[in-house]
Amino acid sequence: MNENERISAGAEKVEKIDRGGAERADEAKSKIAKEEARAEKRIENAKMKAEKEEKKRVRAEREHAEKMHERAERAERTVARRREKQRGEDKHAPGFGGWLAAVVALSVTVLALGAIVTVGYFDLKEAKASIAGGYQSAVYEFSELVENMDANLAKARVADGGYEMQKVLTDVLVESELAEKCLEQFPCDGHASQQLTAFVNRVSDYTETLLHKLAAGQQLTAEETEVVEYMYSTTEKIRAALPALVEQAKNGTLEEFLNQTGDFSAEFGNLSNTVAEVPKSIEDGPFSQSANSRKSEFLAGQKELSESEASARANEYFAAYEPTELRLTGKTEGGDFAAYAFEFKSKSGEEYYAQITVRGGYLALLDGYNGCTGHNLDVHACKLIAQKYLEKCGYADMRPVWAGESGSECCINFVRTQGGVLIYPEMIKVKVCEEKGAVTGMEAHSYLGAHADREIGTPSVSREKIEANAEARMELHGVRLAIIPVDGQEVLTYEIRGDHGGRRYYAYVDANTGKTVEIFTVVTTDRGDALL
């Protein structure tokens, strides 16, 4: 078999794998859609019931007011008759009827105002109860989904055979996706839910990776089985801690839900703390090594900054935000490197959390909490803003490789280039608000953990052969060299970008063997485009 045939055979095999994985992914998405439809139906029924009760209450109030008005009119007519009868008989009495009529009219007015105030009070009370009920529903649904995840992961620990494993992992994928949406509805700030949300996201991503592998007819490795065990044990801890949270939510009022120092927030904090440390073998998305990065050799050789030096560096990084209340809140020692933690508010009131490395003083993380609703900038403009910000923070030779819009925010992935080759392990993610043109989020853990100059050899397979083979299968948009992580090792590949059958594809072919080692397709979701 010649080289072109080997490349074609490898590509055909990957296409079959992708089809199998896509079918499982479609099945999972179908289940998610059905569950969401059921949830929407329940919400719609609840709304209809609430509207019916509201109409009934308003009707009762109106009937009561009409009765009071009729009673007042009868009283006024009676007074008028008495006044006519007594006219001329008692010269001191003529003012009494008018006085009584005024009293009656005033009474009617007071009753009407009381009815209005009462209606307004009950409207506000019912609105608060409705919001609190929504929070309660999210907690109950999350509890049920975690129980189902726990049961299915328990089955996955002992499942014998690829078919049975695919069945239970498909359910886990659906449940983790729905659980993530429940967490988004919790009345807690981003910091409180960050660890729990990250765990649920990783379960979803890793489960999908395993489903693609099983669909290709492969078996799980010992390391992957260990990760399944981790997902089960952590989910079991969350499940065991949930009854206390459910109990707090059961009788909680809106004020109690929103009280960040109250019992509900305390129990949610306890729940988040049950999430165990993430094993190094779990990946956080395609080519993103933040979940399994190594200790940073790059930072180990950097100078250690004092607190005052780190604060000065923070003022440099955030000068454009015109920060108020910029303060050093602590120091993180765990993870891949130590970092100083900062919090500040921008001049316009947005809140930010940031991490600056103790060694080197690099901005490792920026997380903003602000309202971004307008679309004043396009993706191209957001890329330029993000790249300029990275350069200001000392990150050079970065190239955008992916950009997706989620609402009015643009999320861009940058990777470092060396000699024109994309180094995917050195990735930085940036989020830009399309309304204000400001960077509202940045995460550089992968870059800081993997940054190093690499020995990049000459590919054994020529670019021309790769392009010719790709053009036979798709409308080609570009081919470039890229280093990507494959099974824990860095591999020099050709990145192929093209369209086929109305879909956009990114394929990665080993530059020395011609074998396709990875392939992604662009999928449109409710949170923007994603690579699967």
Protein backbone atom coordinates (compact mmCIF):
# COMPACT_ATOMS: atom_id res chain seq x y z
CA MET A 1 0.00 0.00 0.00
CA ASN A 2 1.48 3.37 -1.01
CA GLU A 3 1.53 6.51 1.10
CA ASN A 4 -1.57 8.14 -0.41
CA GLU A 5 -3.56 4.94 0.12
CA ARG A 6 -2.50 4.82 3.76
CA ILE A 7 -3.60 8.45 4.25
CA SER A 8 -6.94 7.77 2.57
CA ALA A 9 -7.50 4.58 4.56
CA GLY A 10 -6.79 6.40 7.79
CA ALA A 11 -9.16 9.19 6.88
CA GLU A 12 -11.95 6.73 5.98
CA LYS A 13 -11.51 4.99 9.32
CA VAL A 14 -11.77 8.27 11.20
CA GLU A 15 -14.89 9.21 9.22
CA LYS A 16 -16.52 5.93 10.32
CA ILE A 17 -15.54 6.63 13.90
CA ASP A 18 -16.95 10.12 13.66
CA ARG A 19 -20.23 8.82 12.26
CA GLY A 20 -20.60 6.36 15.13
CA GLY A 21 -19.75 9.01 17.68
CA ALA A 22 -22.05 11.49 15.99
CA GLU A 23 -24.96 9.04 16.24
CA ARG A 24 -24.38 8.68 19.97
CA ALA A 25 -24.03 12.43 20.36
CA ASP A 26 -27.27 12.95 18.37
CA GLU A 27 -29.02 10.40 20.59
CA ALA A 28 -27.81 12.24 23.68
CA LYS A 29 -28.89 15.63 22.28
CA SER A 30 -32.30 14.13 21.44
CA LYS A 31 -32.76 13.01 25.05
CA ILE A 32 -31.70 16.42 26.30
CA ALA A 33 -34.21 18.09 23.97
CA LYS A 34 -37.01 15.80 25.22
CA GLU A 35 -36.20 16.50 28.85
CA GLU A 36 -36.09 20.24 28.17
CA ALA A 37 -39.44 20.00 26.38
CA ARG A 38 -40.95 18.25 29.40
CA ALA A 39 -39.53 20.89 31.71
CA GLU A 40 -40.92 23.67 29.50
CA LYS A 41 -44.32 21.95 29.54
CA ARG A 42 -44.28 21.79 33.34
CA ILE A 43 -43.36 25.46 33.51
CA GLU A 44 -46.11 26.38 31.03
CA ASN A 45 -48.70 24.43 33.05
CA ALA A 46 -47.55 26.16 36.22
CA LYS A 47 -47.86 29.54 34.51
CA MET A 48 -51.37 28.72 33.28
CA LYS A 49 -52.39 27.63 36.78
CA ALA A 50 -50.94 30.81 38.28
CA GLU A 51 -52.76 32.96 35.70
CA LYS A 52 -56.01 31.15 36.44
CA GLU A 53 -55.63 31.72 40.17
CA GLU A 54 -54.74 35.36 39.57
CA LYS A 55 -57.88 35.90 37.45
CA LYS A 56 -59.99 34.23 40.12
CA ARG A 57 -58.52 36.44 42.84
CA VAL A 58 -59.00 39.64 40.82
CA ARG A 59 -62.59 38.68 40.05
CA ALA A 60 -63.31 38.11 43.75
CA GLU A 61 -61.76 41.49 44.64
CA ARG A 62 -63.84 43.21 41.95
CA GLU A 63 -67.08 41.57 43.13
CA HIS A 64 -66.31 42.58 46.71
CA ALA A 65 -65.66 46.19 45.68
CA GLU A 66 -68.91 46.28 43.66
CA LYS A 67 -70.89 45.00 46.65
CA MET A 68 -69.38 47.66 48.87
CA HIS A 69 -70.23 50.31 46.29
CA GLU A 70 -73.84 49.13 46.04
CA ARG A 71 -74.11 49.15 49.84
CA ALA A 72 -72.81 52.70 49.93
CA GLU A 73 -75.31 53.82 47.28
CA ARG A 74 -78.19 52.25 49.21
CA ALA A 75 -77.07 54.01 52.35
CA GLU A 76 -76.84 57.31 50.51
CA ARG A 77 -80.37 56.86 49.08
CA THR A 78 -81.73 56.08 52.55
CA VAL A 79 -80.09 59.20 53.92
CA ALA A 80 -81.58 61.26 51.09
CA ARG A 81 -85.09 59.98 51.83
CA ARG A 82 -84.73 60.75 55.52
CA ARG A 83 -83.40 64.18 54.71
CA GLU A 84 -86.47 64.92 52.52
CA LYS A 85 -88.76 63.63 55.22
CA GLN A 86 -87.19 65.67 57.97
CA ARG A 87 -86.81 68.83 55.91
CA GLY A 88 -88.79 71.60 57.58
CA GLU A 89 -89.42 69.55 60.73
CA ASP A 90 -86.01 70.06 62.27
CA LYS A 91 -84.16 73.21 61.31
CA HIS A 92 -80.96 71.94 62.92
CA ALA A 93 -80.89 68.67 60.96
CA PRO A 94 -80.23 69.59 57.31
CA GLY A 95 -76.46 69.21 57.61
CA PHE A 96 -76.62 65.72 59.06
CA GLY A 97 -77.55 63.91 55.83
CA GLY A 98 -74.72 65.55 53.92
CA TRP A 99 -72.33 64.68 56.71
CA LEU A 100 -73.45 61.06 56.71
CA ALA A 101 -73.20 60.89 52.91
CA ALA A 102 -69.67 62.27 53.13
CA VAL A 103 -68.79 59.66 55.76
CA VAL A 104 -70.21 56.89 53.59
CA ALA A 105 -68.37 58.18 50.50
CA LEU A 106 -65.15 58.42 52.50
CA SER A 107 -65.68 54.86 53.72
CA VAL A 108 -66.09 53.66 50.13
CA THR A 109 -62.89 55.47 49.15
CA VAL A 110 -60.97 53.93 52.04
CA LEU A 111 -62.29 50.48 51.13
CA ALA A 112 -61.26 50.97 47.49
CA LEU A 113 -57.78 52.14 48.46
CA GLY A 114 -57.49 49.20 50.84
CA ALA A 115 -58.42 46.84 48.05
CA ILE A 116 -55.77 48.38 45.77
CA VAL A 117 -53.07 48.15 48.45
CA THR A 118 -54.11 44.59 49.25
CA VAL A 119 -53.93 43.59 45.58
CA GLY A 120 -50.47 45.17 45.25
CA TYR A 121 -49.27 43.42 48.41
CA PHE A 122 -50.44 40.02 47.23
CA ASP A 123 -48.97 40.63 43.74
CA LEU A 124 -45.55 41.33 45.28
CA LYS A 125 -45.89 38.41 47.65
CA GLU A 126 -46.84 36.04 44.84
CA ALA A 127 -43.99 37.32 42.63
CA LYS A 128 -41.50 36.59 45.41
CA ALA A 129 -43.04 33.17 45.98
CA SER A 130 -42.83 32.44 42.24
CA ILE A 131 -39.12 33.30 42.09
CA ALA A 132 -38.40 31.27 45.23
CA GLY A 133 -40.38 28.41 43.69
CA GLY A 134 -38.15 28.55 40.61
CA TYR A 135 -35.07 28.22 42.81
CA GLN A 136 -36.67 25.31 44.66
CA SER A 137 -37.49 23.55 41.38
CA ALA A 138 -33.89 23.94 40.20
CA VAL A 139 -32.61 22.38 43.44
CA TYR A 140 -35.09 19.49 43.26
CA GLU A 141 -34.32 18.79 39.61
CA PHE A 142 -30.56 18.97 40.22
CA SER A 143 -30.93 16.51 43.11
CA GLU A 144 -32.85 14.07 40.91
CA LEU A 145 -30.31 14.35 38.08
CA VAL A 146 -27.39 13.73 40.45
CA GLU A 147 -29.14 10.64 41.81
CA ASN A 148 -29.55 9.32 38.26
CA MET A 149 -25.93 10.17 37.39
CA ASP A 150 -24.79 8.34 40.51
CA ALA A 151 -26.79 5.24 39.58
CA ASN A 152 -25.55 5.18 35.99
CA LEU A 153 -21.91 5.76 36.95
CA ALA A 154 -22.26 2.92 39.44
CA LYS A 155 -23.40 0.73 36.53
CA ALA A 156 -20.49 1.95 34.40
CA ARG A 157 -18.04 0.68 37.03
CA VAL A 158 -19.14 -2.90 36.40
CA ALA A 159 -20.54 -2.74 32.85
CA ASP A 160 -19.25 -5.63 30.73
CA GLY A 161 -19.15 -4.92 27.01
CA GLY A 162 -19.05 -1.82 24.86
CA TYR A 163 -22.80 -1.73 24.14
CA GLU A 164 -23.87 -1.71 27.79
CA MET A 165 -21.21 0.88 28.64
CA GLN A 166 -22.40 3.12 25.80
CA LYS A 167 -25.98 2.94 27.10
CA VAL A 168 -25.14 4.07 30.63
CA LEU A 169 -22.59 6.69 29.51
CA THR A 170 -25.15 8.18 27.10
CA ASP A 171 -27.49 8.65 30.07
CA VAL A 172 -24.67 10.21 32.10
CA LEU A 173 -23.97 12.63 29.24
CA VAL A 174 -27.62 13.72 29.10
CA GLU A 175 -27.91 14.06 32.88
CA SER A 176 -24.70 16.05 33.23
CA GLU A 177 -25.80 18.48 30.49
CA LEU A 178 -29.14 19.05 32.25
CA ALA A 179 -27.47 19.31 35.67
CA GLU A 180 -25.25 22.09 34.33
CA LYS A 181 -28.34 24.07 33.26
CA CYS A 182 -29.87 23.59 36.72
CA LEU A 183 -26.73 24.99 38.35
CA GLU A 184 -27.01 28.09 36.17
CA GLN A 185 -30.39 28.80 37.84
CA PHE A 186 -29.08 28.53 41.43
CA PRO A 187 -29.17 31.81 43.45
CA CYS A 188 -25.41 31.68 44.12
CA ASP A 189 -22.51 33.70 42.78
CA GLY A 190 -19.99 32.31 40.30
CA HIS A 191 -17.28 31.73 42.89
CA ALA A 192 -19.53 29.53 45.04
CA SER A 193 -20.57 27.29 42.14
CA GLN A 194 -17.29 27.33 40.18
CA GLN A 195 -15.90 24.04 41.52
CA LEU A 196 -19.17 22.13 41.24
CA THR A 197 -19.92 23.49 37.76
CA ALA A 198 -16.40 22.62 36.59
CA PHE A 199 -16.87 19.03 37.78
CA VAL A 200 -20.22 18.64 35.97
CA ASN A 201 -18.69 20.12 32.79
CA ARG A 202 -15.76 17.73 32.93
CA VAL A 203 -18.07 14.75 33.41
CA SER A 204 -19.97 15.81 30.30
CA ASP A 205 -16.84 16.37 28.19
CA TYR A 206 -15.03 13.22 29.30
CA THR A 207 -18.12 11.03 28.94
CA GLU A 208 -18.52 12.22 25.36
CA THR A 209 -14.86 11.39 24.69
CA LEU A 210 -15.38 7.86 26.01
CA LEU A 211 -18.53 7.43 23.91
CA HIS A 212 -16.62 8.31 20.74
CA LYS A 213 -13.95 5.76 21.62
CA LEU A 214 -16.46 3.01 22.36
CA ALA A 215 -18.36 3.79 19.15
CA ALA A 216 -15.10 3.14 17.30
CA GLY A 217 -14.98 -0.37 18.73
CA GLN A 218 -12.15 0.35 21.16
CA GLN A 219 -11.91 -0.65 24.81
CA LEU A 220 -11.34 1.63 27.78
CA THR A 221 -7.83 1.70 29.20
CA ALA A 222 -7.00 1.19 32.88
CA GLU A 223 -6.49 4.96 33.19
CA GLU A 224 -9.91 5.69 31.68
CA THR A 225 -11.52 3.15 34.00
CA GLU A 226 -9.87 4.96 36.89
CA VAL A 227 -11.46 8.22 35.71
CA VAL A 228 -14.90 6.55 35.64
CA GLU A 229 -14.25 5.49 39.24
CA TYR A 230 -13.35 9.08 40.12
CA MET A 231 -16.52 10.45 38.51
CA TYR A 232 -18.60 7.90 40.44
CA SER A 233 -16.96 8.51 43.82
CA THR A 234 -17.27 12.30 43.50
CA THR A 235 -20.90 12.10 42.32
CA GLU A 236 -21.63 9.80 45.26
CA LYS A 237 -20.26 12.44 47.67
CA ILE A 238 -22.38 15.13 46.03
CA ARG A 239 -25.47 12.90 46.20
CA ALA A 240 -24.89 12.23 49.90
CA ALA A 241 -24.58 15.97 50.64
CA LEU A 242 -27.67 17.01 48.64
CA PRO A 243 -30.43 16.18 51.17
CA ALA A 244 -29.22 18.98 53.47
CA LEU A 245 -29.42 21.47 50.58
CA VAL A 246 -32.86 20.21 49.56
CA GLU A 247 -34.07 20.61 53.15
CA GLN A 248 -32.88 24.24 53.21
CA ALA A 249 -34.58 24.91 49.87
CA LYS A 250 -37.87 23.28 50.88
CA ASN A 251 -39.15 26.14 53.04
CA GLY A 252 -36.82 28.88 51.85
CA THR A 253 -38.12 32.36 51.09
CA LEU A 254 -36.71 34.61 48.38
CA GLU A 255 -34.80 36.63 50.99
CA GLU A 256 -33.25 33.46 52.41
CA PHE A 257 -32.21 32.22 48.97
CA LEU A 258 -30.51 35.51 48.14
CA ASN A 259 -28.78 35.88 51.51
CA GLN A 260 -25.14 35.06 50.72
CA THR A 261 -24.46 34.39 54.42
CA GLY A 262 -27.64 32.41 55.05
CA ASP A 263 -28.23 28.71 55.63
CA PHE A 264 -28.90 27.90 51.96
CA SER A 265 -25.64 29.49 50.78
CA ALA A 266 -23.77 27.72 53.58
CA GLU A 267 -25.15 24.34 52.56
CA PHE A 268 -24.37 25.03 48.92
CA GLY A 269 -20.81 25.87 49.91
CA ASN A 270 -20.59 22.56 51.77
CA LEU A 271 -21.91 20.80 48.67
CA SER A 272 -19.30 22.42 46.40
CA ASN A 273 -16.54 21.43 48.81
CA THR A 274 -17.36 17.74 48.29
CA VAL A 275 -15.83 17.86 44.80
CA ALA A 276 -12.56 15.94 44.92
CA GLU A 277 -9.34 16.97 43.19
CA VAL A 278 -9.54 16.36 39.44
CA PRO A 279 -7.37 13.48 38.18
CA LYS A 280 -4.72 14.52 35.68
CA SER A 281 -6.18 12.30 32.97
CA ILE A 282 -9.38 14.34 32.53
CA GLU A 283 -9.18 16.82 29.68
CA ASP A 284 -11.08 20.10 29.73
CA GLY A 285 -12.10 20.25 26.07
CA PRO A 286 -10.21 19.68 22.81
CA PHE A 287 -6.46 20.39 23.11
CA SER A 288 -7.01 22.28 26.38
CA GLN A 289 -4.62 20.97 29.01
CA SER A 290 -5.72 23.06 31.98
CA ALA A 291 -7.09 19.94 33.66
CA ASN A 292 -4.01 17.77 33.17
CA SER A 293 -1.16 20.23 32.93
CA ARG A 294 2.17 19.58 34.59
CA LYS A 295 4.13 21.62 37.11
CA SER A 296 5.35 24.71 35.30
CA GLU A 297 9.05 24.47 34.49
CA PHE A 298 8.73 27.84 32.79
CA LEU A 299 7.65 29.63 35.99
CA ALA A 300 10.11 27.71 38.16
CA GLY A 301 12.93 29.78 36.71
CA GLN A 302 11.18 33.13 37.20
CA LYS A 303 11.74 35.66 39.99
CA GLU A 304 9.35 35.48 42.95
CA LEU A 305 7.32 38.69 43.48
CA SER A 306 6.44 40.20 46.83
CA GLU A 307 2.87 41.26 47.60
CA SER A 308 3.66 44.91 46.88
CA GLU A 309 5.31 44.00 43.57
CA ALA A 310 2.33 41.85 42.60
CA SER A 311 -0.04 44.73 43.47
CA ALA A 312 1.97 47.07 41.25
CA ARG A 313 1.76 44.53 38.44
CA ALA A 314 -2.01 44.26 38.94
CA ASN A 315 -2.35 48.03 38.58
CA GLU A 316 -0.52 47.79 35.23
CA TYR A 317 -2.70 44.95 33.92
CA PHE A 318 -5.99 46.56 34.94
CA ALA A 319 -5.27 50.26 34.34
CA ALA A 320 -7.70 50.39 31.41
CA TYR A 321 -10.54 49.31 33.73
CA GLU A 322 -9.91 52.33 36.01
CA PRO A 323 -10.27 50.02 39.02
CA THR A 324 -11.70 50.99 42.38
CA GLU A 325 -11.28 48.90 45.52
CA LEU A 326 -8.40 46.89 44.00
CA ARG A 327 -7.28 44.60 46.80
CA LEU A 328 -5.10 41.55 47.35
CA THR A 329 -7.36 38.89 48.90
CA GLY A 330 -5.00 35.96 49.37
CA LYS A 331 -2.56 33.52 47.88
CA THR A 332 -3.31 30.18 46.21
CA GLU A 333 -0.66 27.52 46.84
CA GLY A 334 -2.26 24.47 45.21
CA GLY A 335 -2.46 23.55 41.53
CA ASP A 336 0.36 23.90 39.04
CA PHE A 337 1.75 27.15 40.45
CA ALA A 338 1.29 29.62 43.29
CA ALA A 339 -0.62 32.81 42.56
CA TYR A 340 -1.80 35.99 44.26
CA ALA A 341 -5.59 36.53 44.19
CA PHE A 342 -7.02 40.00 43.50
CA GLU A 343 -10.51 41.49 43.39
CA PHE A 344 -11.54 44.87 42.01
CA LYS A 345 -14.39 46.88 40.56
CA SER A 346 -14.12 48.79 37.30
CA LYS A 347 -15.11 52.44 37.10
CA SER A 348 -18.49 51.42 35.65
CA GLY A 349 -19.16 48.99 38.53
CA GLU A 350 -18.30 45.56 37.06
CA GLU A 351 -16.68 43.11 39.49
CA TYR A 352 -13.53 41.14 38.60
CA TYR A 353 -11.49 38.35 40.14
CA ALA A 354 -7.90 37.75 39.01
CA GLN A 355 -4.83 35.60 39.68
CA ILE A 356 -1.24 36.76 39.15
CA THR A 357 1.56 34.20 39.42
CA VAL A 358 3.90 34.54 42.38
CA ARG A 359 6.84 33.72 40.11
CA GLY A 360 7.11 35.98 37.09
CA GLY A 361 3.99 38.02 37.85
CA TYR A 362 2.00 36.75 34.84
CA LEU A 363 -1.75 37.24 34.63
CA ALA A 364 -3.04 33.66 34.89
CA LEU A 365 -6.77 34.29 35.29
CA LEU A 366 -9.30 37.11 34.89
CA ASP A 367 -12.98 36.51 35.55
CA GLY A 368 -15.51 39.34 35.23
CA TYR A 369 -19.12 39.62 36.40
CA ASN A 370 -20.96 42.18 34.33
CA GLY A 371 -23.98 42.65 32.17
CA CYS A 372 -23.11 42.39 28.49
CA THR A 373 -26.13 42.60 26.19
CA GLY A 374 -25.35 44.65 23.08
CA HIS A 375 -23.65 43.64 19.81
CA ASN A 376 -21.55 46.67 18.90
CA LEU A 377 -18.52 44.70 17.67
CA ASP A 378 -18.01 41.76 15.33
CA VAL A 379 -15.77 38.73 15.90
CA HIS A 380 -12.86 40.22 13.96
CA ALA A 381 -12.82 43.33 16.15
CA CYS A 382 -12.99 41.16 19.29
CA LYS A 383 -9.96 39.17 18.11
CA LEU A 384 -7.93 42.37 17.71
CA ILE A 385 -8.95 43.59 21.19
CA ALA A 386 -8.05 40.24 22.74
CA GLN A 387 -4.68 40.00 20.97
CA LYS A 388 -3.73 43.53 22.00
CA TYR A 389 -4.60 42.71 25.61
CA LEU A 390 -2.46 39.55 25.56
CA GLU A 391 0.49 41.51 24.22
CA LYS A 392 0.07 44.04 27.04
CA CYS A 393 0.18 41.15 29.53
CA GLY A 394 3.46 39.86 28.03
CA TYR A 395 2.06 37.03 25.90
CA ALA A 396 3.75 37.29 22.49
CA ASP A 397 3.45 35.27 19.24
CA MET A 398 -0.16 34.31 19.98
CA ARG A 399 -2.51 33.46 17.13
CA PRO A 400 -6.32 33.04 17.31
CA VAL A 401 -7.35 29.53 16.25
CA TRP A 402 -11.02 29.50 17.27
CA ALA A 403 -13.69 32.08 17.99
CA GLY A 404 -17.29 31.52 18.99
CA GLU A 405 -20.10 33.83 20.09
CA SER A 406 -22.20 33.13 23.17
CA GLY A 407 -24.89 35.75 23.59
CA SER A 408 -23.13 39.09 23.33
CA GLU A 409 -19.74 37.70 24.36
CA CYS A 410 -17.03 36.47 22.01
CA CYS A 411 -14.83 33.61 23.25
CA ILE A 412 -11.48 33.24 21.49
CA ASN A 413 -8.79 30.57 21.83
CA PHE A 414 -5.20 31.66 21.17
CA VAL A 415 -2.15 29.39 20.83
CA ARG A 416 1.52 30.30 20.65
CA THR A 417 3.38 29.90 17.38
CA GLN A 418 6.98 28.82 16.97
CA GLY A 419 8.50 29.05 13.52
CA GLY A 420 5.01 29.28 12.04
CA VAL A 421 3.87 26.08 13.81
CA LEU A 422 0.83 26.23 16.12
CA ILE A 423 1.63 24.96 19.63
CA TYR A 424 -1.79 23.87 20.91
CA PRO A 425 -0.62 22.84 24.41
CA GLU A 426 0.20 26.53 24.99
CA MET A 427 -3.36 27.83 24.80
CA ILE A 428 -4.90 30.99 26.26
CA LYS A 429 -8.65 31.59 26.29
CA VAL A 430 -10.00 35.15 26.14
CA LYS A 431 -13.56 36.47 26.48
CA VAL A 432 -14.54 39.88 25.05
CA CYS A 433 -17.79 41.81 25.61
CA GLU A 434 -19.16 42.78 22.19
CA GLU A 435 -21.11 45.67 23.71
CA LYS A 436 -18.24 47.45 25.52
CA GLY A 437 -15.20 46.12 23.66
CA ALA A 438 -13.54 45.04 26.92
CA VAL A 439 -11.82 41.82 27.89
CA THR A 440 -14.04 40.29 30.60
CA GLY A 441 -12.28 36.94 30.98
CA MET A 442 -8.90 35.30 30.40
CA GLU A 443 -7.35 31.97 31.40
CA ALA A 444 -3.67 31.14 30.71
CA HIS A 445 -3.03 28.09 32.90
CA SER A 446 -2.30 25.81 29.93
CA TYR A 447 0.19 28.27 28.48
CA LEU A 448 2.00 28.78 31.79
CA GLY A 449 2.16 25.06 32.46
CA ALA A 450 3.47 24.03 29.04
CA HIS A 451 5.46 27.02 27.74
CA ALA A 452 8.86 26.02 26.35
CA ASP A 453 10.83 26.15 23.11
CA ARG A 454 10.43 22.90 21.19
CA GLU A 455 12.53 20.92 18.77
CA ILE A 456 10.32 20.80 15.67
CA GLY A 457 11.58 18.41 13.05
CA THR A 458 10.87 18.29 9.32
CA PRO A 459 7.62 16.45 8.38
CA SER A 460 8.04 13.17 6.53
CA VAL A 461 4.80 13.69 4.61
CA SER A 462 4.69 16.73 2.33
CA ARG A 463 2.04 19.44 2.64
CA GLU A 464 1.19 18.98 -1.07
CA LYS A 465 0.18 15.35 -0.53
CA ILE A 466 -1.96 16.24 2.45
CA GLU A 467 -3.70 19.03 0.53
CA ALA A 468 -4.33 16.83 -2.52
CA ASN A 469 -5.88 14.09 -0.36
CA ALA A 470 -8.03 16.57 1.58
CA GLU A 471 -9.29 18.34 -1.56
CA ALA A 472 -10.66 15.01 -2.79
CA ARG A 473 -12.94 14.81 0.27
CA MET A 474 -13.90 18.38 1.14
CA GLU A 475 -13.86 22.03 0.14
CA LEU A 476 -10.45 22.91 1.55
CA HIS A 477 -9.91 26.19 3.44
CA GLY A 478 -6.37 25.73 4.66
CA VAL A 479 -3.60 23.41 5.84
CA ARG A 480 -0.98 24.35 8.46
CA LEU A 481 1.43 22.62 10.83
CA ALA A 482 0.37 22.21 14.45
CA ILE A 483 1.63 20.40 17.53
CA ILE A 484 -1.27 18.79 19.39
CA PRO A 485 -1.56 16.50 22.46
CA VAL A 486 -2.33 12.86 21.60
CA ASP A 487 -2.60 10.30 24.43
CA GLY A 488 -0.35 12.40 26.65
CA GLN A 489 2.29 12.98 23.96
CA GLU A 490 2.89 15.96 21.68
CA VAL A 491 2.57 15.11 17.97
CA LEU A 492 3.47 17.23 14.93
CA THR A 493 0.44 17.26 12.64
CA TYR A 494 -1.14 19.01 9.68
CA GLU A 495 -4.28 20.88 10.67
CA ILE A 496 -6.83 20.62 7.84
CA ARG A 497 -9.79 23.01 7.75
CA GLY A 498 -12.63 22.46 5.30
CA ASP A 499 -16.33 22.01 4.58
CA HIS A 500 -18.20 18.90 3.52
CA GLY A 501 -21.94 18.31 3.26
CA GLY A 502 -22.79 21.60 4.91
CA ARG A 503 -20.53 20.98 7.93
CA ARG A 504 -17.20 22.56 8.94
CA TYR A 505 -14.41 20.11 9.89
CA TYR A 506 -11.01 20.35 11.57
CA ALA A 507 -8.86 17.25 10.97
CA TYR A 508 -5.35 16.55 12.26
CA VAL A 509 -3.04 14.22 10.32
CA ASP A 510 0.26 12.99 11.73
CA ALA A 511 2.94 14.81 9.72
CA ASN A 512 5.29 11.80 9.87
CA THR A 513 2.91 8.86 9.29
CA GLY A 514 0.02 10.39 7.35
CA LYS A 515 -2.46 8.86 9.82
CA THR A 516 -5.45 10.93 10.93
CA VAL A 517 -5.16 11.23 14.69
CA GLU A 518 -8.02 13.62 15.51
CA ILE A 519 -11.06 15.13 13.82
CA PHE A 520 -13.62 17.69 15.02
CA THR A 521 -16.80 19.09 13.54
CA VAL A 522 -18.42 22.44 14.30
CA VAL A 523 -21.77 22.12 16.07
CA THR A 524 -24.17 24.99 16.75
CA THR A 525 -25.52 24.92 20.31
CA ASP A 526 -27.65 27.27 22.43
CA ARG A 527 -24.38 28.76 23.72
CA GLY A 528 -22.81 29.35 20.31
CA ASP A 529 -20.66 27.19 18.03
CA ALA A 530 -18.61 24.40 19.57
CA LEU A 531 -16.10 21.80 18.39
CA LEU A 532 -17.10 18.17 18.96
